[in-house]
PDB file of N, CA and C in Angstrom:
ATOM      1  N   MET A   1      38.740  32.495  34.167  1.00  0.00           N
ATOM      2  CA  MET A   1      38.800  31.133  33.637  1.00  0.00           C
ATOM      3  C   MET A   1      37.426  30.476  33.774  1.00  0.00           C
ATOM      4  N   ASP A   2      37.019  29.769  32.755  1.00  0.00           N
ATOM      5  CA  ASP A   2      35.731  29.089  32.778  1.00  0.00           C
ATOM      6  C   ASP A   2      35.747  27.921  33.748  1.00  0.00           C
ATOM      7  N   GLU A   3      34.551  27.598  34.240  1.00  0.00           N
ATOM      8  CA  GLU A   3      34.418  26.425  35.106  1.00  0.00           C
ATOM      9  C   GLU A   3      34.546  25.157  34.263  1.00  0.00           C
ATOM     10  N   PHE A   4      35.068  24.144  34.889  1.00  0.00           N
ATOM     11  CA  PHE A   4      35.262  22.846  34.266  1.00  0.00           C
ATOM     12  C   PHE A   4      34.232  21.912  34.891  1.00  0.00           C
ATOM     13  N   LEU A   5      33.315  21.370  34.102  1.00  0.00           N
ATOM     14  CA  LEU A   5      32.302  20.456  34.620  1.00  0.00           C
ATOM     15  C   LEU A   5      32.950  19.095  34.855  1.00  0.00           C
ATOM     16  N   LEU A   6      32.856  18.588  36.088  1.00  0.00           N
ATOM     17  CA  LEU A   6      33.557  17.356  36.447  1.00  0.00           C
ATOM     18  C   LEU A   6      32.692  16.466  37.327  1.00  0.00           C
ATOM     19  N   ARG A   7      32.509  15.220  36.899  1.00  0.00           N
ATOM     20  CA  ARG A   7      31.838  14.232  37.749  1.00  0.00           C
ATOM     21  C   ARG A   7      32.686  14.053  38.990  1.00  0.00           C
ATOM     22  N   ALA A   8      32.043  13.948  40.140  1.00  0.00           N
ATOM     23  CA  ALA A   8      32.770  13.837  41.404  1.00  0.00           C
ATOM     24  C   ALA A   8      33.725  12.647  41.412  1.00  0.00           C
ATOM     25  N   HIS A   9      33.283  11.496  40.916  1.00  0.00           N
ATOM     26  CA  HIS A   9      34.160  10.319  40.990  1.00  0.00           C
ATOM     27  C   HIS A   9      35.354  10.422  40.048  1.00  0.00           C
ATOM     28  N   HIS A  10      35.294  11.311  39.086  1.00  0.00           N
ATOM     29  CA  HIS A  10      36.459  11.500  38.218  1.00  0.00           C
ATOM     30  C   HIS A  10      37.617  12.119  38.992  1.00  0.00           C
ATOM     31  N   GLY A  11      37.334  12.700  40.158  1.00  0.00           N
ATOM     32  CA  GLY A  11      38.405  13.147  41.046  1.00  0.00           C
ATOM     33  C   GLY A  11      39.285  11.982  41.481  1.00  0.00           C
ATOM     34  N   LEU A  12      38.698  10.792  41.552  1.00  0.00           N
ATOM     35  CA  LEU A  12      39.470   9.569  41.844  1.00  0.00           C
ATOM     36  C   LEU A  12      40.195   9.093  40.580  1.00  0.00           C
ATOM     37  N   CYS A  13      39.468   8.992  39.498  1.00  0.00           N
ATOM     38  CA  CYS A  13      40.036   8.477  38.247  1.00  0.00           C
ATOM     39  C   CYS A  13      41.281   9.261  37.826  1.00  0.00           C
ATOM     40  N   LEU A  14      41.224  10.566  37.961  1.00  0.00           N
ATOM     41  CA  LEU A  14      42.328  11.413  37.522  1.00  0.00           C
ATOM     42  C   LEU A  14      43.602  11.165  38.314  1.00  0.00           C
ATOM     43  N   CYS A  15      43.472  10.715  39.543  1.00  0.00           N
ATOM     44  CA  CYS A  15      44.660  10.428  40.365  1.00  0.00           C
ATOM     45  C   CYS A  15      45.460   9.250  39.828  1.00  0.00           C
ATOM     46  N   PHE A  16      44.818   8.394  39.061  1.00  0.00           N
ATOM     47  CA  PHE A  16      45.446   7.150  38.617  1.00  0.00           C
ATOM     48  C   PHE A  16      45.604   7.022  37.108  1.00  0.00           C
ATOM     49  N   PHE A  17      45.103   7.976  36.352  1.00  0.00           N
ATOM     50  CA  PHE A  17      45.106   7.862  34.891  1.00  0.00           C
ATOM     51  C   PHE A  17      46.522   7.658  34.361  1.00  0.00           C
ATOM     52  N   GLN A  18      46.679   6.621  33.524  1.00  0.00           N
ATOM     53  CA  GLN A  18      47.988   6.230  32.987  1.00  0.00           C
ATOM     54  C   GLN A  18      48.004   6.179  31.467  1.00  0.00           C
ATOM     55  N   GLY A  19      47.060   6.809  30.826  1.00  0.00           N
ATOM     56  CA  GLY A  19      47.033   6.764  29.372  1.00  0.00           C
ATOM     57  C   GLY A  19      46.374   5.517  28.829  1.00  0.00           C
ATOM     58  N   LYS A  20      45.562   4.878  29.634  1.00  0.00           N
ATOM     59  CA  LYS A  20      44.802   3.704  29.189  1.00  0.00           C
ATOM     60  C   LYS A  20      43.329   4.031  29.337  1.00  0.00           C
ATOM     61  N   GLY A  21      42.496   3.383  28.526  1.00  0.00           N
ATOM     62  CA  GLY A  21      41.080   3.670  28.623  1.00  0.00           C
ATOM     63  C   GLY A  21      40.265   2.920  27.606  1.00  0.00           C
ATOM     64  N   TYR A  22      39.048   3.375  27.452  1.00  0.00           N
ATOM     65  CA  TYR A  22      38.066   2.695  26.620  1.00  0.00           C
ATOM     66  C   TYR A  22      38.420   2.691  25.139  1.00  0.00           C
ATOM     67  N   SER A  23      39.068   3.774  24.683  1.00  0.00           N
ATOM     68  CA  SER A  23      39.372   3.915  23.261  1.00  0.00           C
ATOM     69  C   SER A  23      40.471   4.963  23.105  1.00  0.00           C
ATOM     70  N   GLY A  24      41.048   5.032  21.920  1.00  0.00           N
ATOM     71  CA  GLY A  24      42.056   6.053  21.648  1.00  0.00           C
ATOM     72  C   GLY A  24      41.494   7.458  21.817  1.00  0.00           C
ATOM     73  N   GLU A  25      40.274   7.665  21.355  1.00  0.00           N
ATOM     74  CA  GLU A  25      39.623   8.974  21.484  1.00  0.00           C
ATOM     75  C   GLU A  25      39.420   9.330  22.963  1.00  0.00           C
ATOM     76  N   PHE A  26      38.996   8.343  23.754  1.00  0.00           N
ATOM     77  CA  PHE A  26      38.814   8.590  25.187  1.00  0.00           C
ATOM     78  C   PHE A  26      40.144   8.968  25.838  1.00  0.00           C
ATOM     79  N   VAL A  27      41.199   8.214  25.547  1.00  0.00           N
ATOM     80  CA  VAL A  27      42.513   8.468  26.145  1.00  0.00           C
ATOM     81  C   VAL A  27      43.007   9.862  25.773  1.00  0.00           C
ATOM     82  N   LYS A  28      42.847  10.229  24.517  1.00  0.00           N
ATOM     83  CA  LYS A  28      43.275  11.563  24.068  1.00  0.00           C
ATOM     84  C   LYS A  28      42.515  12.644  24.838  1.00  0.00           C
ATOM     85  N   ASN A  29      41.203  12.510  24.934  1.00  0.00           N
ATOM     86  CA  ASN A  29      40.382  13.482  25.649  1.00  0.00           C
ATOM     87  C   ASN A  29      40.755  13.539  27.134  1.00  0.00           C
ATOM     88  N   MET A  30      40.918  12.383  27.760  1.00  0.00           N
ATOM     89  CA  MET A  30      41.268  12.333  29.191  1.00  0.00           C
ATOM     90  C   MET A  30      42.629  12.986  29.431  1.00  0.00           C
ATOM     91  N   THR A  31      43.584  12.732  28.552  1.00  0.00           N
ATOM     92  CA  THR A  31      44.910  13.337  28.669  1.00  0.00           C
ATOM     93  C   THR A  31      44.807  14.861  28.590  1.00  0.00           C
ATOM     94  N   GLU A  32      44.040  15.345  27.629  1.00  0.00           N
ATOM     95  CA  GLU A  32      43.855  16.795  27.478  1.00  0.00           C
ATOM     96  C   GLU A  32      43.171  17.400  28.692  1.00  0.00           C
ATOM     97  N   LYS A  33      42.142  16.721  29.199  1.00  0.00           N
ATOM     98  CA  LYS A  33      41.404  17.240  30.363  1.00  0.00           C
ATOM     99  C   LYS A  33      42.292  17.238  31.605  1.00  0.00           C
ATOM    100  N   LYS A  34      43.075  16.191  31.768  1.00  0.00           N
ATOM    101  CA  LYS A  34      43.972  16.132  32.933  1.00  0.00           C
ATOM    102  C   LYS A  34      44.987  17.276  32.877  1.00  0.00           C
ATOM    103  N   MET A  35      45.518  17.531  31.708  1.00  0.00           N
ATOM    104  CA  MET A  35      46.473  18.637  31.548  1.00  0.00           C
ATOM    105  C   MET A  35      45.798  19.974  31.874  1.00  0.00           C
ATOM    106  N   ALA A  36      44.577  20.156  31.423  1.00  0.00           N
ATOM    107  CA  ALA A  36      43.843  21.395  31.711  1.00  0.00           C
ATOM    108  C   ALA A  36      43.595  21.540  33.212  1.00  0.00           C
ATOM    109  N   LEU A  37      43.267  20.449  33.881  1.00  0.00           N
ATOM    110  CA  LEU A  37      42.997  20.489  35.318  1.00  0.00           C
ATOM    111  C   LEU A  37      44.255  20.768  36.131  1.00  0.00           C
ATOM    112  N   GLU A  38      45.410  20.413  35.604  1.00  0.00           N
ATOM    113  CA  GLU A  38      46.661  20.698  36.310  1.00  0.00           C
ATOM    114  C   GLU A  38      46.902  22.196  36.444  1.00  0.00           C
ATOM    115  N   ARG A  39      46.192  23.002  35.653  1.00  0.00           N
ATOM    116  CA  ARG A  39      46.282  24.461  35.779  1.00  0.00           C
ATOM    117  C   ARG A  39      45.360  24.981  36.889  1.00  0.00           C
ATOM    118  N   ASN A  40      44.666  24.068  37.583  1.00  0.00           N
ATOM    119  CA  ASN A  40      43.832  24.371  38.751  1.00  0.00           C
ATOM    120  C   ASN A  40      42.637  25.292  38.460  1.00  0.00           C
ATOM    121  N   PRO A  41      41.865  24.983  37.421  1.00  0.00           N
ATOM    122  CA  PRO A  41      40.677  25.805  37.163  1.00  0.00           C
ATOM    123  C   PRO A  41      39.593  25.516  38.207  1.00  0.00           C
ATOM    124  N   PRO A  42      38.594  26.386  38.297  1.00  0.00           N
ATOM    125  CA  PRO A  42      37.447  26.048  39.133  1.00  0.00           C
ATOM    126  C   PRO A  42      36.678  24.890  38.486  1.00  0.00           C
ATOM    127  N   VAL A  43      36.283  23.927  39.292  1.00  0.00           N
ATOM    128  CA  VAL A  43      35.482  22.810  38.788  1.00  0.00           C
ATOM    129  C   VAL A  43      34.086  22.889  39.396  1.00  0.00           C
ATOM    130  N   ARG A  44      33.098  22.623  38.561  1.00  0.00           N
ATOM    131  CA  ARG A  44      31.715  22.505  39.039  1.00  0.00           C
ATOM    132  C   ARG A  44      31.416  21.017  39.102  1.00  0.00           C
ATOM    133  N   LEU A  45      31.182  20.528  40.303  1.00  0.00           N
ATOM    134  CA  LEU A  45      30.947  19.102  40.501  1.00  0.00           C
ATOM    135  C   LEU A  45      29.566  18.708  40.006  1.00  0.00           C
ATOM    136  N   THR A  46      29.512  17.542  39.401  1.00  0.00           N
ATOM    137  CA  THR A  46      28.245  17.033  38.898  1.00  0.00           C
ATOM    138  C   THR A  46      28.153  15.540  39.166  1.00  0.00           C
ATOM    139  N   ASP A  47      26.933  15.043  39.104  1.00  0.00           N
ATOM    140  CA  ASP A  47      26.703  13.604  39.177  1.00  0.00           C
ATOM    141  C   ASP A  47      26.074  13.134  37.864  1.00  0.00           C
ATOM    142  N   GLN A  48      26.367  13.881  36.811  1.00  0.00           N
ATOM    143  CA  GLN A  48      25.915  13.582  35.455  1.00  0.00           C
ATOM    144  C   GLN A  48      27.150  13.516  34.550  1.00  0.00           C
ATOM    145  N   THR A  49      26.949  13.276  33.259  1.00  0.00           N
ATOM    146  CA  THR A  49      28.085  13.239  32.343  1.00  0.00           C
ATOM    147  C   THR A  49      28.798  14.591  32.337  1.00  0.00           C
ATOM    148  N   ASP A  50      30.111  14.533  32.099  1.00  0.00           N
ATOM    149  CA  ASP A  50      30.943  15.730  32.170  1.00  0.00           C
ATOM    150  C   ASP A  50      31.861  15.811  30.952  1.00  0.00           C
ATOM    151  N   GLU A  51      32.900  16.626  31.064  1.00  0.00           N
ATOM    152  CA  GLU A  51      33.826  16.831  29.948  1.00  0.00           C
ATOM    153  C   GLU A  51      34.668  15.588  29.656  1.00  0.00           C
ATOM    154  N   ILE A  52      34.926  14.790  30.659  1.00  0.00           N
ATOM    155  CA  ILE A  52      35.680  13.549  30.457  1.00  0.00           C
ATOM    156  C   ILE A  52      34.794  12.512  29.767  1.00  0.00           C
ATOM    157  N   CYS A  53      33.535  12.468  30.140  1.00  0.00           N
ATOM    158  CA  CYS A  53      32.583  11.523  29.540  1.00  0.00           C
ATOM    159  C   CYS A  53      32.343  11.792  28.056  1.00  0.00           C
ATOM    160  N   ARG A  54      32.611  13.005  27.616  1.00  0.00           N
ATOM    161  CA  ARG A  54      32.323  13.415  26.235  1.00  0.00           C
ATOM    162  C   ARG A  54      32.857  12.419  25.215  1.00  0.00           C
ATOM    163  N   ALA A  55      34.039  11.852  25.450  1.00  0.00           N
ATOM    164  CA  ALA A  55      34.650  10.940  24.477  1.00  0.00           C
ATOM    165  C   ALA A  55      34.549   9.475  24.898  1.00  0.00           C
ATOM    166  N   CYS A  56      33.750   9.184  25.904  1.00  0.00           N
ATOM    167  CA  CYS A  56      33.616   7.802  26.378  1.00  0.00           C
ATOM    168  C   CYS A  56      32.610   7.048  25.514  1.00  0.00           C
ATOM    169  N   PRO A  57      32.950   5.827  25.101  1.00  0.00           N
ATOM    170  CA  PRO A  57      32.004   5.053  24.295  1.00  0.00           C
ATOM    171  C   PRO A  57      30.737   4.656  25.062  1.00  0.00           C
ATOM    172  N   ASN A  58      30.749   4.772  26.385  1.00  0.00           N
ATOM    173  CA  ASN A  58      29.547   4.473  27.176  1.00  0.00           C
ATOM    174  C   ASN A  58      28.605   5.674  27.273  1.00  0.00           C
ATOM    175  N   ASN A  59      28.984   6.803  26.690  1.00  0.00           N
ATOM    176  CA  ASN A  59      28.158   8.011  26.700  1.00  0.00           C
ATOM    177  C   ASN A  59      27.260   7.975  25.464  1.00  0.00           C
ATOM    178  N   ARG A  60      25.987   7.852  25.706  1.00  0.00           N
ATOM    179  CA  ARG A  60      24.995   7.838  24.617  1.00  0.00           C
ATOM    180  C   ARG A  60      24.119   9.079  24.730  1.00  0.00           C
ATOM    181  N   SER A  61      24.459  10.077  23.947  1.00  0.00           N
ATOM    182  CA  SER A  61      23.699  11.338  23.929  1.00  0.00           C
ATOM    183  C   SER A  61      23.567  11.948  25.329  1.00  0.00           C
ATOM    184  N   GLY A  62      24.687  11.950  26.054  1.00  0.00           N
ATOM    185  CA  GLY A  62      24.701  12.556  27.381  1.00  0.00           C
ATOM    186  C   GLY A  62      24.242  11.652  28.501  1.00  0.00           C
ATOM    187  N   GLN A  63      23.957  10.409  28.203  1.00  0.00           N
ATOM    188  CA  GLN A  63      23.529   9.443  29.227  1.00  0.00           C
ATOM    189  C   GLN A  63      24.538   8.299  29.282  1.00  0.00           C
ATOM    190  N   CYS A  64      25.059   8.031  30.460  1.00  0.00           N
ATOM    191  CA  CYS A  64      26.040   6.965  30.635  1.00  0.00           C
ATOM    192  C   CYS A  64      25.350   5.607  30.657  1.00  0.00           C
ATOM    193  N   LEU A  65      25.884   4.663  29.894  1.00  0.00           N
ATOM    194  CA  LEU A  65      25.326   3.306  29.907  1.00  0.00           C
ATOM    195  C   LEU A  65      25.524   2.629  31.254  1.00  0.00           C
ATOM    196  N   SER A  66      26.505   3.102  32.027  1.00  0.00           N
ATOM    197  CA  SER A  66      26.771   2.574  33.369  1.00  0.00           C
ATOM    198  C   SER A  66      26.351   3.590  34.426  1.00  0.00           C
ATOM    199  N   ASP A  67      25.249   4.312  34.156  1.00  0.00           N
ATOM    200  CA  ASP A  67      24.879   5.443  35.005  1.00  0.00           C
ATOM    201  C   ASP A  67      24.627   5.055  36.463  1.00  0.00           C
ATOM    202  N   GLU A  68      24.012   3.909  36.694  1.00  0.00           N
ATOM    203  CA  GLU A  68      23.727   3.514  38.077  1.00  0.00           C
ATOM    204  C   GLU A  68      25.024   3.376  38.877  1.00  0.00           C
ATOM    205  N   LYS A  69      26.000   2.723  38.290  1.00  0.00           N
ATOM    206  CA  LYS A  69      27.290   2.531  38.951  1.00  0.00           C
ATOM    207  C   LYS A  69      28.033   3.861  39.098  1.00  0.00           C
ATOM    208  N   ALA A  70      28.100   4.637  38.029  1.00  0.00           N
ATOM    209  CA  ALA A  70      28.798   5.923  38.067  1.00  0.00           C
ATOM    210  C   ALA A  70      28.144   6.872  39.074  1.00  0.00           C
ATOM    211  N   ALA A  71      26.830   6.887  39.130  1.00  0.00           N
ATOM    212  CA  ALA A  71      26.119   7.750  40.085  1.00  0.00           C
ATOM    213  C   ALA A  71      26.417   7.319  41.527  1.00  0.00           C
ATOM    214  N   ARG A  72      26.536   6.024  41.743  1.00  0.00           N
ATOM    215  CA  ARG A  72      26.895   5.525  43.091  1.00  0.00           C
ATOM    216  C   ARG A  72      28.291   6.008  43.459  1.00  0.00           C
ATOM    217  N   TYR A  73      29.223   5.917  42.531  1.00  0.00           N
ATOM    218  CA  TYR A  73      30.581   6.409  42.785  1.00  0.00           C
ATOM    219  C   TYR A  73      30.557   7.905  43.105  1.00  0.00           C
ATOM    220  N   ASP A  74      29.784   8.672  42.323  1.00  0.00           N
ATOM    221  CA  ASP A  74      29.684  10.114  42.561  1.00  0.00           C
ATOM    222  C   ASP A  74      29.149  10.407  43.960  1.00  0.00           C
ATOM    223  N   ARG A  75      28.063   9.730  44.328  1.00  0.00           N
ATOM    224  CA  ARG A  75      27.465   9.963  45.655  1.00  0.00           C
ATOM    225  C   ARG A  75      28.466   9.699  46.766  1.00  0.00           C
ATOM    226  N   GLU A  76      29.219   8.616  46.639  1.00  0.00           N
ATOM    227  CA  GLU A  76      30.204   8.264  47.665  1.00  0.00           C
ATOM    228  C   GLU A  76      31.323   9.290  47.761  1.00  0.00           C
ATOM    229  N   VAL A  77      31.856   9.713  46.634  1.00  0.00           N
ATOM    230  CA  VAL A  77      32.932  10.705  46.647  1.00  0.00           C
ATOM    231  C   VAL A  77      32.417  12.014  47.230  1.00  0.00           C
ATOM    232  N   LEU A  78      31.247  12.458  46.785  1.00  0.00           N
ATOM    233  CA  LEU A  78      30.682  13.703  47.311  1.00  0.00           C
ATOM    234  C   LEU A  78      30.491  13.622  48.818  1.00  0.00           C
ATOM    235  N   ALA A  79      29.888  12.544  49.290  1.00  0.00           N
ATOM    236  CA  ALA A  79      29.615  12.410  50.725  1.00  0.00           C
ATOM    237  C   ALA A  79      30.906  12.369  51.537  1.00  0.00           C
ATOM    238  N   ARG A  80      31.858  11.584  51.110  1.00  0.00           N
ATOM    239  CA  ARG A  80      33.106  11.445  51.873  1.00  0.00           C
ATOM    240  C   ARG A  80      33.947  12.724  51.851  1.00  0.00           C
ATOM    241  N   CYS A  81      33.808  13.497  50.803  1.00  0.00           N
ATOM    242  CA  CYS A  81      34.572  14.748  50.686  1.00  0.00           C
ATOM    243  C   CYS A  81      33.797  15.953  51.232  1.00  0.00           C
ATOM    244  N   GLY A  82      32.560  15.741  51.663  1.00  0.00           N
ATOM    245  CA  GLY A  82      31.754  16.833  52.198  1.00  0.00           C
ATOM    246  C   GLY A  82      31.354  17.843  51.134  1.00  0.00           C
ATOM    247  N   LEU A  83      31.011  17.353  49.952  1.00  0.00           N
ATOM    248  CA  LEU A  83      30.679  18.221  48.827  1.00  0.00           C
ATOM    249  C   LEU A  83      29.288  17.888  48.298  1.00  0.00           C
ATOM    250  N   THR A  84      28.760  18.764  47.430  1.00  0.00           N
ATOM    251  CA  THR A  84      27.442  18.552  46.843  1.00  0.00           C
ATOM    252  C   THR A  84      27.492  18.809  45.340  1.00  0.00           C
ATOM    253  N   PRO A  85      26.583  18.184  44.569  1.00  0.00           N
ATOM    254  CA  PRO A  85      26.525  18.478  43.135  1.00  0.00           C
ATOM    255  C   PRO A  85      26.270  19.969  42.925  1.00  0.00           C
ATOM    256  N   GLY A  86      26.940  20.542  41.944  1.00  0.00           N
ATOM    257  CA  GLY A  86      26.792  21.962  41.652  1.00  0.00           C
ATOM    258  C   GLY A  86      27.802  22.838  42.371  1.00  0.00           C
ATOM    259  N   GLU A  87      28.460  22.293  43.379  1.00  0.00           N
ATOM    260  CA  GLU A  87      29.455  23.069  44.116  1.00  0.00           C
ATOM    261  C   GLU A  87      30.652  23.368  43.217  1.00  0.00           C
ATOM    262  N   VAL A  88      31.213  24.559  43.396  1.00  0.00           N
ATOM    263  CA  VAL A  88      32.366  24.978  42.607  1.00  0.00           C
ATOM    264  C   VAL A  88      33.543  25.178  43.547  1.00  0.00           C
ATOM    265  N   LEU A  89      34.687  24.608  43.178  1.00  0.00           N
ATOM    266  CA  LEU A  89      35.902  24.753  43.974  1.00  0.00           C
ATOM    267  C   LEU A  89      37.105  24.584  43.069  1.00  0.00           C
ATOM    268  N   PRO A  90      38.276  25.064  43.479  1.00  0.00           N
ATOM    269  CA  PRO A  90      39.473  24.853  42.657  1.00  0.00           C
ATOM    270  C   PRO A  90      39.772  23.356  42.556  1.00  0.00           C
ATOM    271  N   TYR A  91      40.236  22.932  41.397  1.00  0.00           N
ATOM    272  CA  TYR A  91      40.524  21.513  41.204  1.00  0.00           C
ATOM    273  C   TYR A  91      41.467  20.962  42.270  1.00  0.00           C
ATOM    274  N   ARG A  92      42.497  21.697  42.632  1.00  0.00           N
ATOM    275  CA  ARG A  92      43.462  21.211  43.630  1.00  0.00           C
ATOM    276  C   ARG A  92      42.795  20.949  44.980  1.00  0.00           C
ATOM    277  N   GLU A  93      41.758  21.710  45.294  1.00  0.00           N
ATOM    278  CA  GLU A  93      41.037  21.466  46.549  1.00  0.00           C
ATOM    279  C   GLU A  93      40.294  20.128  46.481  1.00  0.00           C
ATOM    280  N   LEU A  94      39.664  19.859  45.348  1.00  0.00           N
ATOM    281  CA  LEU A  94      39.010  18.561  45.175  1.00  0.00           C
ATOM    282  C   LEU A  94      40.042  17.449  45.288  1.00  0.00           C
ATOM    283  N   GLU A  95      41.155  17.608  44.600  1.00  0.00           N
ATOM    284  CA  GLU A  95      42.226  16.609  44.624  1.00  0.00           C
ATOM    285  C   GLU A  95      42.706  16.356  46.062  1.00  0.00           C
ATOM    286  N   ALA A  96      42.879  17.414  46.835  1.00  0.00           N
ATOM    287  CA  ALA A  96      43.330  17.288  48.228  1.00  0.00           C
ATOM    288  C   ALA A  96      42.294  16.561  49.074  1.00  0.00           C
ATOM    289  N   ARG A  97      41.011  16.883  48.870  1.00  0.00           N
ATOM    290  CA  ARG A  97      39.963  16.204  49.651  1.00  0.00           C
ATOM    291  C   ARG A  97      39.901  14.711  49.318  1.00  0.00           C
ATOM    292  N   VAL A  98      40.045  14.389  48.030  1.00  0.00           N
ATOM    293  CA  VAL A  98      40.042  12.983  47.621  1.00  0.00           C
ATOM    294  C   VAL A  98      41.211  12.248  48.279  1.00  0.00           C
ATOM    295  N   LEU A  99      42.368  12.856  48.267  1.00  0.00           N
ATOM    296  CA  LEU A  99      43.541  12.245  48.900  1.00  0.00           C
ATOM    297  C   LEU A  99      43.318  12.041  50.398  1.00  0.00           C
ATOM    298  N   GLU A 100      42.894  13.102  51.074  1.00  0.00           N
ATOM    299  CA  GLU A 100      42.785  13.076  52.531  1.00  0.00           C
ATOM    300  C   GLU A 100      41.658  12.195  53.053  1.00  0.00           C
ATOM    301  N   THR A 101      40.530  12.167  52.340  1.00  0.00           N
ATOM    302  CA  THR A 101      39.369  11.455  52.883  1.00  0.00           C
ATOM    303  C   THR A 101      39.152  10.069  52.289  1.00  0.00           C
ATOM    304  N   ILE A 102      39.765   9.806  51.133  1.00  0.00           N
ATOM    305  CA  ILE A 102      39.523   8.518  50.463  1.00  0.00           C
ATOM    306  C   ILE A 102      40.807   7.723  50.257  1.00  0.00           C
ATOM    307  N   LEU A 103      41.779   8.305  49.571  1.00  0.00           N
ATOM    308  CA  LEU A 103      42.953   7.535  49.177  1.00  0.00           C
ATOM    309  C   LEU A 103      43.890   7.217  50.335  1.00  0.00           C
ATOM    310  N   ILE A 104      44.312   8.212  51.077  1.00  0.00           N
ATOM    311  CA  ILE A 104      45.262   7.968  52.171  1.00  0.00           C
ATOM    312  C   ILE A 104      44.672   7.029  53.225  1.00  0.00           C
ATOM    313  N   PRO A 105      43.402   7.206  53.631  1.00  0.00           N
ATOM    314  CA  PRO A 105      42.833   6.265  54.607  1.00  0.00           C
ATOM    315  C   PRO A 105      42.505   4.882  54.033  1.00  0.00           C
ATOM    316  N   GLY A 106      42.638   4.701  52.706  1.00  0.00           N
ATOM    317  CA  GLY A 106      42.429   3.387  52.103  1.00  0.00           C
ATOM    318  C   GLY A 106      40.984   3.034  51.787  1.00  0.00           C
ATOM    319  N   HIS A 107      40.169   4.017  51.417  1.00  0.00           N
ATOM    320  CA  HIS A 107      38.744   3.770  51.158  1.00  0.00           C
ATOM    321  C   HIS A 107      38.376   3.671  49.678  1.00  0.00           C
ATOM    322  N   ARG A 108      39.335   3.788  48.774  1.00  0.00           N
ATOM    323  CA  ARG A 108      39.011   3.777  47.357  1.00  0.00           C
ATOM    324  C   ARG A 108      38.263   2.517  46.938  1.00  0.00           C
ATOM    325  N   GLU A 109      38.754   1.387  47.382  1.00  0.00           N
ATOM    326  CA  GLU A 109      38.156   0.107  46.990  1.00  0.00           C
ATOM    327  C   GLU A 109      36.683   0.014  47.420  1.00  0.00           C
ATOM    328  N   GLU A 110      36.336   0.629  48.548  1.00  0.00           N
ATOM    329  CA  GLU A 110      34.944   0.625  49.027  1.00  0.00           C
ATOM    330  C   GLU A 110      34.042   1.391  48.065  1.00  0.00           C
ATOM    331  N   ILE A 111      34.581   2.380  47.409  1.00  0.00           N
ATOM    332  CA  ILE A 111      33.789   3.235  46.528  1.00  0.00           C
ATOM    333  C   ILE A 111      33.672   2.639  45.131  1.00  0.00           C
ATOM    334  N   CYS A 112      34.806   2.256  44.544  1.00  0.00           N
ATOM    335  CA  CYS A 112      34.789   1.866  43.129  1.00  0.00           C
ATOM    336  C   CYS A 112      35.562   0.582  42.858  1.00  0.00           C
ATOM    337  N   GLY A 113      35.613  -0.297  43.835  1.00  0.00           N
ATOM    338  CA  GLY A 113      36.317  -1.562  43.664  1.00  0.00           C
ATOM    339  C   GLY A 113      35.731  -2.451  42.591  1.00  0.00           C
ATOM    340  N   ASP A 114      34.475  -2.187  42.200  1.00  0.00           N
ATOM    341  CA  ASP A 114      33.845  -2.998  41.154  1.00  0.00           C
ATOM    342  C   ASP A 114      33.990  -2.377  39.761  1.00  0.00           C
ATOM    343  N   CYS A 115      34.798  -1.326  39.636  1.00  0.00           N
ATOM    344  CA  CYS A 115      35.050  -0.699  38.337  1.00  0.00           C
ATOM    345  C   CYS A 115      35.972  -1.596  37.504  1.00  0.00           C
ATOM    346  N   GLN A 116      35.756  -1.621  36.205  1.00  0.00           N
ATOM    347  CA  GLN A 116      36.581  -2.451  35.333  1.00  0.00           C
ATOM    348  C   GLN A 116      38.044  -2.006  35.312  1.00  0.00           C
ATOM    349  N   TRP A 117      38.338  -0.773  35.733  1.00  0.00           N
ATOM    350  CA  TRP A 117      39.695  -0.239  35.713  1.00  0.00           C
ATOM    351  C   TRP A 117      40.372  -0.315  37.075  1.00  0.00           C
ATOM    352  N   THR A 118      39.761  -0.937  38.057  1.00  0.00           N
ATOM    353  CA  THR A 118      40.275  -0.912  39.428  1.00  0.00           C
ATOM    354  C   THR A 118      41.710  -1.423  39.551  1.00  0.00           C
ATOM    355  N   ALA A 119      42.112  -2.346  38.697  1.00  0.00           N
ATOM    356  CA  ALA A 119      43.487  -2.880  38.769  1.00  0.00           C
ATOM    357  C   ALA A 119      44.535  -1.804  38.493  1.00  0.00           C
ATOM    358  N   LEU A 120      44.156  -0.747  37.791  1.00  0.00           N
ATOM    359  CA  LEU A 120      45.086   0.342  37.497  1.00  0.00           C
ATOM    360  C   LEU A 120      45.144   1.369  38.629  1.00  0.00           C
ATOM    361  N   CYS A 121      44.267   1.226  39.597  1.00  0.00           N
ATOM    362  CA  CYS A 121      44.071   2.281  40.592  1.00  0.00           C
ATOM    363  C   CYS A 121      44.493   1.867  42.003  1.00  0.00           C
ATOM    364  N   ARG A 122      45.567   1.187  42.120  1.00  0.00           N
ATOM    365  CA  ARG A 122      46.042   0.775  43.439  1.00  0.00           C
ATOM    366  C   ARG A 122      46.766   1.914  44.127  1.00  0.00           C
ATOM    367  N   TRP A 123      46.373   2.197  45.334  1.00  0.00           N
ATOM    368  CA  TRP A 123      47.017   3.218  46.158  1.00  0.00           C
ATOM    369  C   TRP A 123      48.004   2.514  47.058  1.00  0.00           C
ATOM    370  N   LYS A 124      48.992   3.233  47.523  1.00  0.00           N
ATOM    371  CA  LYS A 124      50.013   2.656  48.403  1.00  0.00           C
ATOM    372  C   LYS A 124      49.338   1.871  49.532  1.00  0.00           C
ATOM    373  N   GLY A 125      49.736   0.651  49.702  1.00  0.00           N
ATOM    374  CA  GLY A 125      49.209  -0.166  50.791  1.00  0.00           C
ATOM    375  C   GLY A 125      47.976  -0.973  50.414  1.00  0.00           C
ATOM    376  N   GLU A 126      47.343  -0.697  49.276  1.00  0.00           N
ATOM    377  CA  GLU A 126      46.190  -1.480  48.860  1.00  0.00           C
ATOM    378  C   GLU A 126      46.662  -2.830  48.338  1.00  0.00           C
ATOM    379  N   THR A 127      45.928  -3.859  48.668  1.00  0.00           N
ATOM    380  CA  THR A 127      46.295  -5.179  48.181  1.00  0.00           C
ATOM    381  C   THR A 127      45.759  -5.367  46.766  1.00  0.00           C
ATOM    382  N   PRO A 128      46.512  -6.054  45.934  1.00  0.00           N
ATOM    383  CA  PRO A 128      46.061  -6.286  44.551  1.00  0.00           C
ATOM    384  C   PRO A 128      44.920  -7.264  44.477  1.00  0.00           C
TER     385      PRO A 128
END
């Protein structure tokens, strides 16, 4: 199975995706990518645009218009999960690390609380 290129912070986004997003094209792409990841392929972590970003309206020729913010989210997820850009691991392992080190202890808001989608990403016990 081929590696799936995935921004580290998308490990958080995927936990909360509800079929809402920037555009119909983005939602369709995100839905397809989430379904593919449920088969637990190897993911290569990146702090650059990835397969999910491909259909995002903020992606301009491979450069995110919100790159500073997205890169900060990536750095935080990588550091808290003990991972590095370029590392390859099964998707379920990434998902487990995100749950154990970020979501269950209640640290999501510290990482991406300033994201425009944060209202959709409440974890059990998080205040609205």
